[in-house]
Amino acid sequence: YVVVCGVHQFAFYYTCSLGSAGAITAGINKCLQTVMLFFLSNALFCGSAASQCLSPLKIASAMCVCTGVMLYAFLSSCEQQHQQQQQQQQSDRSVEPGLTCLHPPLAKLSEPVAPAAAGG
């Protein structure tokens, strides 16, 4: 038990030492651990302690955490792709601007809009 806890703490502090990205990753891991704890606690201890049973609030909390984690991962991926595109654009002007990871109608929203010509 002591060895497992020691390895866990070492991994956590190592992840935090990787800068802001490491700290965010460690925070997300802790959130996911908490969500899993809700479900494991229900499976293992609900029969002996009513406070360990899942409630609508616990389920809603778990769903919010999972949605936030997935949204963060998706947007981080989009941002990373966008930064790579910008770097490639600076070295090679043949890449179209925009976020390619977005669905095509959403990608159009990220493109600059040209002013409409006045006329009637």
Protein backbone atom coordinates (compact mmCIF):
# COMPACT_ATOMS: atom_id res chain seq x y z
CA TYR A 1 0.00 0.00 0.00
CA VAL A 2 2.78 2.43 0.94
CA VAL A 3 4.62 1.73 -2.33
CA VAL A 4 1.47 2.25 -4.42
CA CYS A 5 0.70 5.53 -2.64
CA GLY A 6 4.31 6.65 -3.05
CA VAL A 7 4.30 5.93 -6.79
CA HIS A 8 0.94 7.70 -7.13
CA GLN A 9 2.21 10.82 -5.35
CA PHE A 10 5.45 10.82 -7.32
CA ALA A 11 3.51 10.62 -10.60
CA PHE A 12 1.18 13.42 -9.47
CA TYR A 13 4.02 15.78 -8.49
CA TYR A 14 5.99 14.89 -11.61
CA THR A 15 2.95 15.77 -13.74
CA CYS A 16 2.56 19.07 -11.89
CA SER A 17 6.23 19.89 -12.51
CA LEU A 18 5.67 19.92 -16.28
CA GLY A 19 4.39 23.49 -16.23
CA SER A 20 0.88 24.79 -16.83
CA ALA A 21 -0.09 21.91 -19.13
CA GLY A 22 1.04 19.41 -16.50
CA ALA A 23 -0.91 21.15 -13.77
CA ILE A 24 -4.06 21.13 -15.91
CA THR A 25 -3.54 17.45 -16.71
CA ALA A 26 -3.12 16.65 -13.02
CA GLY A 27 -6.31 18.57 -12.22
CA ILE A 28 -8.28 16.70 -14.88
CA ASN A 29 -6.94 13.38 -13.58
CA LYS A 30 -8.06 14.28 -10.06
CA CYS A 31 -11.54 15.19 -11.37
CA LEU A 32 -11.83 11.87 -13.18
CA GLN A 33 -10.70 10.03 -10.05
CA THR A 34 -13.47 11.74 -8.10
CA VAL A 35 -16.10 10.77 -10.67
CA MET A 36 -14.93 7.15 -10.63
CA LEU A 37 -15.04 7.21 -6.84
CA PHE A 38 -18.77 8.07 -6.97
CA PHE A 39 -19.51 4.99 -9.06
CA LEU A 40 -17.18 2.59 -7.24
CA SER A 41 -18.51 3.76 -3.89
CA ASN A 42 -22.04 3.03 -5.08
CA ALA A 43 -21.10 -0.43 -6.34
CA LEU A 44 -19.13 -1.46 -3.26
CA PHE A 45 -20.76 0.31 -0.30
CA CYS A 46 -24.33 1.31 -1.20
CA GLY A 47 -25.73 -1.78 0.53
CA SER A 48 -24.10 -0.92 3.85
CA ALA A 49 -24.30 2.89 3.90
CA ALA A 50 -27.07 4.88 2.23
CA SER A 51 -24.80 7.94 1.94
CA GLN A 52 -22.64 6.01 -0.55
CA CYS A 53 -25.50 5.39 -2.98
CA LEU A 54 -25.73 7.36 -6.20
CA SER A 55 -28.14 10.27 -6.10
CA PRO A 56 -29.39 12.48 -8.94
CA LEU A 57 -27.01 15.20 -7.73
CA LYS A 58 -24.00 12.84 -7.82
CA ILE A 59 -24.94 11.62 -11.30
CA ALA A 60 -25.38 15.21 -12.55
CA SER A 61 -22.02 16.16 -11.03
CA ALA A 62 -20.29 13.23 -12.70
CA MET A 63 -21.86 14.15 -16.05
CA CYS A 64 -20.74 17.77 -15.69
CA VAL A 65 -17.17 16.73 -14.92
CA CYS A 66 -17.04 14.29 -17.84
CA THR A 67 -18.52 16.87 -20.22
CA GLY A 68 -16.01 19.47 -19.05
CA VAL A 69 -13.10 17.06 -19.50
CA MET A 70 -14.20 16.11 -23.02
CA LEU A 71 -14.79 19.74 -23.97
CA TYR A 72 -11.39 20.74 -22.62
CA ALA A 73 -9.68 17.92 -24.54
CA PHE A 74 -11.48 18.82 -27.78
CA LEU A 75 -10.76 22.54 -27.52
CA SER A 76 -7.13 21.90 -26.56
CA SER A 77 -6.78 19.73 -29.64
CA CYS A 78 -8.33 22.46 -31.80
CA GLU A 79 -6.02 25.08 -30.32
CA GLN A 80 -2.98 22.90 -30.90
CA GLN A 81 -4.01 22.30 -34.54
CA HIS A 82 -4.59 26.03 -34.99
CA GLN A 83 -1.15 26.86 -33.58
CA GLN A 84 0.46 24.28 -35.87
CA GLN A 85 -1.37 25.78 -38.83
CA GLN A 86 -0.17 29.26 -37.92
CA GLN A 87 3.41 28.05 -37.63
CA GLN A 88 3.13 26.27 -40.96
CA GLN A 89 1.55 29.38 -42.50
CA GLN A 90 4.46 31.50 -41.38
CA SER A 91 6.92 29.13 -43.01
CA ASP A 92 4.73 28.14 -45.96
CA ARG A 93 1.95 30.50 -47.07
CA SER A 94 -0.05 27.69 -48.78
CA VAL A 95 -2.17 26.66 -45.77
CA GLU A 96 -5.72 28.00 -45.46
CA PRO A 97 -6.48 29.73 -42.13
CA GLY A 98 -9.16 28.39 -39.81
CA LEU A 99 -9.77 25.59 -37.37
CA THR A 100 -9.89 22.36 -39.36
CA CYS A 101 -10.99 20.22 -36.42
CA LEU A 102 -14.37 21.96 -36.34
CA HIS A 103 -17.34 20.76 -38.34
CA PRO A 104 -17.34 22.64 -41.71
CA PRO A 105 -20.24 25.00 -40.83
CA LEU A 106 -18.53 25.81 -37.52
CA ALA A 107 -15.16 26.27 -39.23
CA LYS A 108 -16.76 28.93 -41.44
CA LEU A 109 -17.70 30.86 -38.29
CA SER A 110 -14.02 31.08 -37.34
CA GLU A 111 -13.06 32.62 -40.70
CA PRO A 112 -12.99 36.41 -41.07
CA VAL A 113 -16.06 37.85 -42.79
CA ALA A 114 -15.51 40.23 -45.70
CA PRO A 115 -17.68 43.36 -45.59
CA ALA A 116 -20.66 43.21 -47.97
CA ALA A 117 -20.58 45.49 -50.97
CA ALA A 118 -23.02 48.39 -50.75
CA GLY A 119 -25.63 48.35 -53.45
CA GLY A 120 -29.22 47.63 -54.08
